[in-house]
């Protein structure tokens, strides 16, 4: 009789863990392998997105500062100067640009070329290819 109860408890626990895992899946943009796809960027094109990386939103932290990271992916079909900013942020931010393999190309903390103060911004010449942007806060949020 005790063995039957043990297995019933075990199966209930396993079912609970499976349900919990599905409920708390990370959002798109949480990892390098599941970025927000900004598509193919052409010279003169503007892409805008607003996300909150507060821990409650589930992005997670696997790069750079202790805050949660938001990953974006974009493609260039031709070499271009690319400008990226967190100028509208009210938090101290970081930006990182990675190549298609995840290697750091450049990063910026404060006083970038597009906005003064704590929001970060980058202006960089990039070749044709696939790139990733990691946006995060200096401490916990952006």
N, C-alpha and C. Protein backbone atom coordinates (compact mmCIF):
# COMPACT_ATOMS: atom_id res chain seq x y z
N UNK A 1 0.82 -1.18 0.00
CA UNK A 1 0.00 0.00 0.00
C UNK A 1 0.87 1.25 0.00
N UNK A 2 1.91 1.29 0.79
CA UNK A 2 2.78 2.47 0.84
C UNK A 2 3.47 2.70 -0.50
N UNK A 3 3.84 1.65 -1.18
CA UNK A 3 4.50 1.79 -2.48
C UNK A 3 3.57 2.44 -3.49
N UNK A 4 2.32 2.11 -3.48
CA UNK A 4 1.35 2.72 -4.41
C UNK A 4 1.25 4.22 -4.15
N UNK A 5 1.19 4.64 -2.92
CA UNK A 5 1.11 6.06 -2.62
C UNK A 5 2.39 6.78 -3.05
N UNK A 6 3.51 6.15 -2.88
CA UNK A 6 4.77 6.78 -3.30
C UNK A 6 4.76 7.05 -4.81
N UNK A 7 4.34 6.08 -5.61
CA UNK A 7 4.32 6.27 -7.05
C UNK A 7 3.26 7.28 -7.47
N UNK A 8 2.13 7.31 -6.80
CA UNK A 8 1.13 8.33 -7.10
C UNK A 8 1.70 9.71 -6.86
N UNK A 9 2.38 9.90 -5.75
CA UNK A 9 3.01 11.19 -5.45
C UNK A 9 4.08 11.54 -6.47
N UNK A 10 4.85 10.57 -6.88
CA UNK A 10 5.91 10.80 -7.87
C UNK A 10 5.33 11.27 -9.20
N UNK A 11 4.29 10.58 -9.68
CA UNK A 11 3.70 10.97 -10.95
C UNK A 11 3.05 12.34 -10.87
N UNK A 12 2.43 12.68 -9.77
CA UNK A 12 1.83 14.00 -9.60
C UNK A 12 2.91 15.08 -9.65
N UNK A 13 4.01 14.84 -9.01
CA UNK A 13 5.11 15.79 -9.01
C UNK A 13 5.67 15.97 -10.41
N UNK A 14 5.85 14.90 -11.15
CA UNK A 14 6.37 14.99 -12.51
C UNK A 14 5.42 15.79 -13.39
N UNK A 15 4.14 15.58 -13.29
CA UNK A 15 3.16 16.32 -14.07
C UNK A 15 3.22 17.80 -13.71
N UNK A 16 3.34 18.12 -12.45
CA UNK A 16 3.43 19.51 -12.01
C UNK A 16 4.66 20.19 -12.61
N UNK A 17 5.79 19.53 -12.63
CA UNK A 17 7.00 20.11 -13.19
C UNK A 17 6.87 20.37 -14.69
N UNK A 18 6.22 19.48 -15.41
CA UNK A 18 6.02 19.68 -16.84
C UNK A 18 5.12 20.90 -17.08
N UNK A 19 4.05 21.02 -16.35
CA UNK A 19 3.15 22.17 -16.50
C UNK A 19 3.87 23.46 -16.14
N UNK A 20 4.63 23.46 -15.06
CA UNK A 20 5.35 24.67 -14.64
C UNK A 20 6.34 25.11 -15.70
N UNK A 21 7.05 24.19 -16.31
CA UNK A 21 8.02 24.53 -17.33
C UNK A 21 7.35 25.22 -18.52
N UNK A 22 6.21 24.74 -18.94
CA UNK A 22 5.53 25.34 -20.08
C UNK A 22 4.97 26.73 -19.75
N UNK A 23 4.52 26.94 -18.54
CA UNK A 23 3.93 28.22 -18.15
C UNK A 23 4.99 29.32 -18.11
N UNK A 24 6.20 29.00 -17.70
CA UNK A 24 7.24 30.00 -17.51
C UNK A 24 8.27 30.02 -18.64
N UNK A 25 7.88 29.77 -19.86
CA UNK A 25 8.81 29.80 -20.99
C UNK A 25 9.32 31.22 -21.20
N UNK A 26 10.57 31.35 -21.61
CA UNK A 26 11.15 32.67 -21.85
C UNK A 26 10.55 33.31 -23.09
N UNK A 27 10.43 34.63 -23.09
CA UNK A 27 9.87 35.33 -24.25
C UNK A 27 10.86 35.38 -25.41
N UNK A 28 10.35 35.66 -26.60
CA UNK A 28 11.23 35.90 -27.75
C UNK A 28 12.11 37.10 -27.40
N UNK A 29 13.40 36.95 -27.67
CA UNK A 29 14.36 38.00 -27.33
C UNK A 29 15.17 37.69 -26.09
N UNK A 30 14.88 36.57 -25.44
CA UNK A 30 15.55 36.23 -24.19
C UNK A 30 16.95 35.66 -24.38
N UNK A 31 17.24 35.10 -25.56
CA UNK A 31 18.54 34.47 -25.77
C UNK A 31 19.08 34.74 -27.17
N UNK A 32 20.34 34.48 -27.35
CA UNK A 32 21.00 34.59 -28.65
C UNK A 32 20.31 33.69 -29.66
N UNK A 33 19.87 32.52 -29.24
CA UNK A 33 19.23 31.56 -30.14
C UNK A 33 17.75 31.82 -30.39
N UNK A 34 17.17 32.79 -29.68
CA UNK A 34 15.75 33.12 -29.84
C UNK A 34 15.57 34.64 -29.79
N UNK A 35 16.22 35.36 -30.71
CA UNK A 35 16.17 36.82 -30.67
C UNK A 35 14.89 37.38 -31.28
N UNK A 36 14.65 38.65 -31.02
CA UNK A 36 13.61 39.38 -31.74
C UNK A 36 14.19 39.67 -33.11
N UNK A 37 13.50 39.29 -34.17
CA UNK A 37 14.03 39.46 -35.52
C UNK A 37 13.60 40.81 -36.08
N UNK A 38 14.56 41.71 -36.22
CA UNK A 38 14.29 43.04 -36.78
C UNK A 38 14.30 43.01 -38.30
N UNK A 39 14.64 41.88 -38.89
CA UNK A 39 14.61 41.72 -40.34
C UNK A 39 15.83 42.27 -41.03
N UNK A 40 15.68 42.51 -42.33
CA UNK A 40 16.76 43.06 -43.14
C UNK A 40 16.67 44.58 -43.08
N UNK A 41 17.75 45.19 -42.68
CA UNK A 41 17.80 46.65 -42.52
C UNK A 41 18.51 47.24 -43.74
N UNK A 42 17.86 48.20 -44.36
CA UNK A 42 18.42 48.91 -45.51
C UNK A 42 18.86 50.30 -45.08
N UNK A 43 19.83 50.90 -45.77
CA UNK A 43 20.24 52.27 -45.42
C UNK A 43 19.03 53.21 -45.38
N UNK A 44 18.94 53.99 -44.31
CA UNK A 44 17.85 54.92 -44.14
C UNK A 44 16.65 54.35 -43.42
N UNK A 45 16.61 53.04 -43.24
CA UNK A 45 15.47 52.39 -42.58
C UNK A 45 15.57 52.56 -41.06
N UNK A 46 14.43 52.69 -40.39
CA UNK A 46 14.38 52.80 -38.94
C UNK A 46 13.56 51.64 -38.39
N UNK A 47 14.10 50.96 -37.39
CA UNK A 47 13.40 49.90 -36.68
C UNK A 47 13.27 50.36 -35.23
N UNK A 48 12.07 50.32 -34.70
CA UNK A 48 11.83 50.75 -33.32
C UNK A 48 11.11 49.66 -32.55
N UNK A 49 11.52 49.44 -31.33
CA UNK A 49 10.87 48.46 -30.47
C UNK A 49 11.04 48.90 -29.02
N UNK A 50 10.05 48.64 -28.22
CA UNK A 50 10.11 48.97 -26.80
C UNK A 50 9.80 47.72 -25.99
N UNK A 51 10.73 47.36 -25.15
CA UNK A 51 10.55 46.21 -24.27
C UNK A 51 11.02 46.62 -22.87
N UNK A 52 10.53 45.90 -21.87
CA UNK A 52 10.93 46.10 -20.49
C UNK A 52 11.64 44.84 -20.04
N UNK A 53 12.90 44.97 -19.62
CA UNK A 53 13.66 43.79 -19.23
C UNK A 53 13.61 43.52 -17.73
N UNK A 54 12.62 44.04 -17.04
CA UNK A 54 12.47 43.74 -15.61
C UNK A 54 12.44 42.23 -15.42
N UNK A 55 13.04 41.71 -14.36
CA UNK A 55 13.09 40.26 -14.14
C UNK A 55 11.73 39.57 -14.23
N UNK A 56 10.67 40.24 -13.86
CA UNK A 56 9.34 39.63 -13.92
C UNK A 56 8.92 39.29 -15.35
N UNK A 57 9.56 39.90 -16.35
CA UNK A 57 9.21 39.64 -17.75
C UNK A 57 9.94 38.43 -18.32
N UNK A 58 10.88 37.85 -17.58
CA UNK A 58 11.45 36.55 -17.92
C UNK A 58 12.52 36.52 -18.99
N UNK A 59 13.18 37.64 -19.30
CA UNK A 59 14.20 37.59 -20.34
C UNK A 59 15.46 36.86 -19.90
N UNK A 60 15.84 36.96 -18.67
CA UNK A 60 17.02 36.26 -18.17
C UNK A 60 18.30 37.02 -18.47
N UNK A 61 19.37 36.60 -17.83
CA UNK A 61 20.66 37.27 -17.97
C UNK A 61 21.74 36.27 -18.29
N UNK A 62 22.29 36.36 -19.49
CA UNK A 62 23.43 35.49 -19.82
C UNK A 62 24.54 36.26 -20.53
N UNK A 63 24.47 37.60 -20.49
CA UNK A 63 25.50 38.38 -21.18
C UNK A 63 25.71 39.71 -20.45
N UNK A 64 26.94 40.12 -20.31
CA UNK A 64 27.25 41.47 -19.85
C UNK A 64 26.91 41.77 -18.41
N UNK A 65 26.12 42.79 -18.21
CA UNK A 65 25.78 43.33 -16.90
C UNK A 65 24.82 42.41 -16.14
N UNK A 66 24.55 42.71 -14.85
CA UNK A 66 23.68 41.82 -14.06
C UNK A 66 22.19 41.92 -14.40
N UNK A 67 21.81 42.80 -15.29
CA UNK A 67 20.40 42.92 -15.65
C UNK A 67 20.01 41.87 -16.69
N UNK A 68 18.70 41.70 -16.88
CA UNK A 68 18.22 40.80 -17.93
C UNK A 68 18.56 41.39 -19.30
N UNK A 69 18.80 40.53 -20.27
CA UNK A 69 19.22 40.93 -21.62
C UNK A 69 18.06 40.78 -22.60
N UNK A 70 18.02 41.65 -23.60
CA UNK A 70 17.08 41.50 -24.70
C UNK A 70 17.90 41.44 -25.99
N UNK A 71 17.73 40.35 -26.73
CA UNK A 71 18.48 40.12 -27.97
C UNK A 71 17.65 40.48 -29.20
N UNK A 72 18.29 41.19 -30.12
CA UNK A 72 17.70 41.51 -31.42
C UNK A 72 18.64 40.99 -32.49
N UNK A 73 18.06 40.55 -33.60
CA UNK A 73 18.85 40.08 -34.75
C UNK A 73 18.46 40.92 -35.95
N UNK A 74 19.46 41.33 -36.73
CA UNK A 74 19.16 42.03 -37.99
C UNK A 74 20.17 41.62 -39.04
N UNK A 75 19.78 41.82 -40.29
CA UNK A 75 20.62 41.47 -41.43
C UNK A 75 20.89 42.71 -42.26
N UNK A 76 22.12 42.84 -42.74
CA UNK A 76 22.49 43.89 -43.70
C UNK A 76 22.83 43.22 -45.02
N UNK A 77 22.20 43.64 -46.10
CA UNK A 77 22.53 43.10 -47.43
C UNK A 77 23.65 43.87 -48.09
N UNK A 78 24.04 44.97 -47.48
CA UNK A 78 25.15 45.79 -47.98
C UNK A 78 25.82 46.46 -46.79
N UNK A 79 27.06 46.83 -46.93
CA UNK A 79 27.74 47.54 -45.85
C UNK A 79 27.01 48.84 -45.57
N UNK A 80 26.94 49.22 -44.30
CA UNK A 80 26.21 50.42 -43.93
C UNK A 80 26.66 50.93 -42.56
N UNK A 81 26.46 52.22 -42.33
CA UNK A 81 26.63 52.76 -40.99
C UNK A 81 25.33 52.51 -40.24
N UNK A 82 25.43 51.88 -39.09
CA UNK A 82 24.26 51.51 -38.30
C UNK A 82 24.28 52.31 -37.00
N UNK A 83 23.13 52.89 -36.67
CA UNK A 83 22.97 53.64 -35.42
C UNK A 83 21.95 52.91 -34.56
N UNK A 84 22.30 52.66 -33.32
CA UNK A 84 21.43 51.96 -32.38
C UNK A 84 21.44 52.76 -31.08
N UNK A 85 20.27 52.96 -30.50
CA UNK A 85 20.24 53.74 -29.26
C UNK A 85 19.17 53.30 -28.29
N UNK A 86 19.42 53.63 -27.04
CA UNK A 86 18.45 53.53 -25.96
C UNK A 86 18.16 54.94 -25.44
N UNK A 87 18.21 55.92 -26.33
CA UNK A 87 18.10 57.33 -25.93
C UNK A 87 16.84 57.65 -25.14
N UNK A 88 15.76 56.95 -25.38
CA UNK A 88 14.52 57.25 -24.66
C UNK A 88 14.44 56.56 -23.29
N UNK A 89 15.44 55.80 -22.94
CA UNK A 89 15.43 55.10 -21.66
C UNK A 89 15.65 56.07 -20.50
N UNK A 90 15.01 55.77 -19.39
CA UNK A 90 15.23 56.55 -18.17
C UNK A 90 16.22 55.85 -17.25
N UNK A 91 16.80 54.73 -17.72
CA UNK A 91 17.77 53.97 -16.95
C UNK A 91 19.15 54.04 -17.58
N UNK A 92 20.15 53.71 -16.80
CA UNK A 92 21.51 53.58 -17.29
C UNK A 92 21.58 52.29 -18.10
N UNK A 93 21.93 52.38 -19.38
CA UNK A 93 21.86 51.21 -20.27
C UNK A 93 23.20 50.84 -20.88
N UNK A 94 23.26 49.65 -21.40
CA UNK A 94 24.38 49.11 -22.16
C UNK A 94 23.85 48.57 -23.47
N UNK A 95 24.63 48.69 -24.52
CA UNK A 95 24.35 48.06 -25.81
C UNK A 95 25.59 47.29 -26.25
N UNK A 96 25.38 46.13 -26.83
CA UNK A 96 26.46 45.31 -27.38
C UNK A 96 26.05 44.92 -28.80
N UNK A 97 26.98 44.93 -29.73
CA UNK A 97 26.74 44.40 -31.07
C UNK A 97 27.62 43.16 -31.22
N UNK A 98 26.96 42.06 -31.63
CA UNK A 98 27.65 40.79 -31.81
C UNK A 98 27.56 40.37 -33.27
N UNK A 99 28.55 39.59 -33.72
CA UNK A 99 28.49 39.06 -35.08
C UNK A 99 27.61 37.80 -35.10
N UNK A 100 27.52 37.16 -36.24
CA UNK A 100 26.63 36.00 -36.41
C UNK A 100 27.01 34.82 -35.51
N UNK A 101 28.25 34.76 -35.06
CA UNK A 101 28.68 33.68 -34.17
C UNK A 101 28.60 34.07 -32.70
N UNK A 102 28.20 35.30 -32.41
CA UNK A 102 28.08 35.75 -31.03
C UNK A 102 29.32 36.43 -30.49
N UNK A 103 30.28 36.74 -31.36
CA UNK A 103 31.49 37.45 -30.93
C UNK A 103 31.21 38.94 -30.82
N UNK A 104 31.74 39.57 -29.77
CA UNK A 104 31.54 40.99 -29.55
C UNK A 104 32.25 41.81 -30.63
N UNK A 105 31.51 42.70 -31.27
CA UNK A 105 32.08 43.64 -32.23
C UNK A 105 32.37 44.96 -31.53
N UNK A 106 31.38 45.48 -30.80
CA UNK A 106 31.56 46.72 -30.04
C UNK A 106 30.49 46.80 -28.97
N UNK A 107 30.71 47.67 -28.00
CA UNK A 107 29.70 47.92 -26.97
C UNK A 107 29.80 49.38 -26.57
N UNK A 108 28.76 49.85 -25.92
CA UNK A 108 28.76 51.23 -25.43
C UNK A 108 27.97 51.30 -24.15
N UNK A 109 28.49 52.09 -23.23
CA UNK A 109 27.81 52.34 -21.97
C UNK A 109 27.20 53.74 -22.02
N UNK A 110 27.84 54.72 -21.51
CA UNK A 110 27.30 56.08 -21.39
C UNK A 110 27.79 57.01 -22.49
N UNK A 111 27.06 58.13 -22.66
CA UNK A 111 27.47 59.23 -23.54
C UNK A 111 27.85 58.78 -24.94
N UNK A 112 26.97 58.05 -25.58
CA UNK A 112 27.21 57.61 -26.94
C UNK A 112 27.05 58.75 -27.93
N UNK A 113 27.25 58.47 -29.19
CA UNK A 113 27.20 59.53 -30.21
C UNK A 113 25.79 60.06 -30.49
N UNK A 114 24.74 59.36 -30.05
CA UNK A 114 23.38 59.77 -30.38
C UNK A 114 22.64 60.41 -29.21
N UNK A 115 23.08 60.15 -27.99
CA UNK A 115 22.41 60.75 -26.82
C UNK A 115 23.40 60.87 -25.66
N UNK A 116 23.34 61.99 -24.96
CA UNK A 116 24.24 62.20 -23.82
C UNK A 116 23.70 61.51 -22.56
N UNK A 117 24.54 61.39 -21.58
CA UNK A 117 24.10 60.87 -20.29
C UNK A 117 24.20 59.36 -20.19
N UNK A 118 23.31 58.78 -19.40
CA UNK A 118 23.37 57.35 -19.09
C UNK A 118 22.81 56.41 -20.14
N UNK A 119 21.84 56.84 -20.98
CA UNK A 119 21.39 55.92 -22.05
C UNK A 119 22.52 55.68 -23.07
N UNK A 120 22.64 54.46 -23.51
CA UNK A 120 23.72 54.12 -24.44
C UNK A 120 23.27 54.27 -25.89
N UNK A 121 24.25 54.51 -26.74
CA UNK A 121 24.01 54.56 -28.19
C UNK A 121 25.30 54.21 -28.91
N UNK A 122 25.14 53.64 -30.10
CA UNK A 122 26.27 53.19 -30.92
C UNK A 122 26.05 53.65 -32.35
N UNK A 123 27.10 54.10 -32.97
CA UNK A 123 27.10 54.35 -34.42
C UNK A 123 28.35 53.64 -34.94
N UNK A 124 28.15 52.68 -35.85
CA UNK A 124 29.26 51.84 -36.30
C UNK A 124 29.07 51.45 -37.76
N UNK A 125 30.16 51.36 -38.48
CA UNK A 125 30.15 50.87 -39.86
C UNK A 125 30.23 49.36 -39.83
N UNK A 126 29.27 48.69 -40.48
CA UNK A 126 29.23 47.22 -40.50
C UNK A 126 29.20 46.72 -41.94
N UNK A 127 29.80 45.58 -42.15
CA UNK A 127 29.78 44.91 -43.46
C UNK A 127 28.46 44.18 -43.63
N UNK A 128 28.23 43.71 -44.84
CA UNK A 128 27.08 42.85 -45.11
C UNK A 128 27.14 41.66 -44.16
N UNK A 129 26.00 41.25 -43.61
CA UNK A 129 25.99 40.09 -42.73
C UNK A 129 24.85 40.10 -41.73
N UNK A 130 24.92 39.16 -40.81
CA UNK A 130 23.93 39.01 -39.74
C UNK A 130 24.55 39.50 -38.44
N UNK A 131 23.77 40.27 -37.69
CA UNK A 131 24.25 40.87 -36.45
C UNK A 131 23.20 40.73 -35.35
N UNK A 132 23.69 40.83 -34.13
CA UNK A 132 22.82 40.79 -32.96
C UNK A 132 23.11 42.00 -32.09
N UNK A 133 22.06 42.55 -31.50
CA UNK A 133 22.19 43.62 -30.52
C UNK A 133 21.71 43.05 -29.19
N UNK A 134 22.50 43.28 -28.16
CA UNK A 134 22.08 42.92 -26.80
C UNK A 134 21.85 44.24 -26.07
N UNK A 135 20.61 44.46 -25.65
CA UNK A 135 20.25 45.66 -24.91
C UNK A 135 20.01 45.26 -23.47
N UNK A 136 20.59 46.02 -22.55
CA UNK A 136 20.42 45.72 -21.14
C UNK A 136 20.66 46.95 -20.30
N UNK A 137 20.32 46.86 -19.04
CA UNK A 137 20.57 47.94 -18.10
C UNK A 137 21.93 47.77 -17.46
N UNK A 138 22.47 48.88 -16.97
CA UNK A 138 23.74 48.81 -16.24
C UNK A 138 23.58 47.97 -14.98
N UNK A 139 22.44 48.12 -14.33
CA UNK A 139 22.22 47.40 -13.10
C UNK A 139 21.13 46.34 -13.29
N UNK A 140 19.86 46.73 -13.27
CA UNK A 140 18.82 45.71 -13.34
C UNK A 140 17.82 45.87 -14.48
N UNK A 141 17.49 47.07 -14.92
CA UNK A 141 16.44 47.22 -15.93
C UNK A 141 16.81 48.27 -16.97
N UNK A 142 16.12 48.23 -18.11
CA UNK A 142 16.24 49.30 -19.11
C UNK A 142 14.85 49.82 -19.40
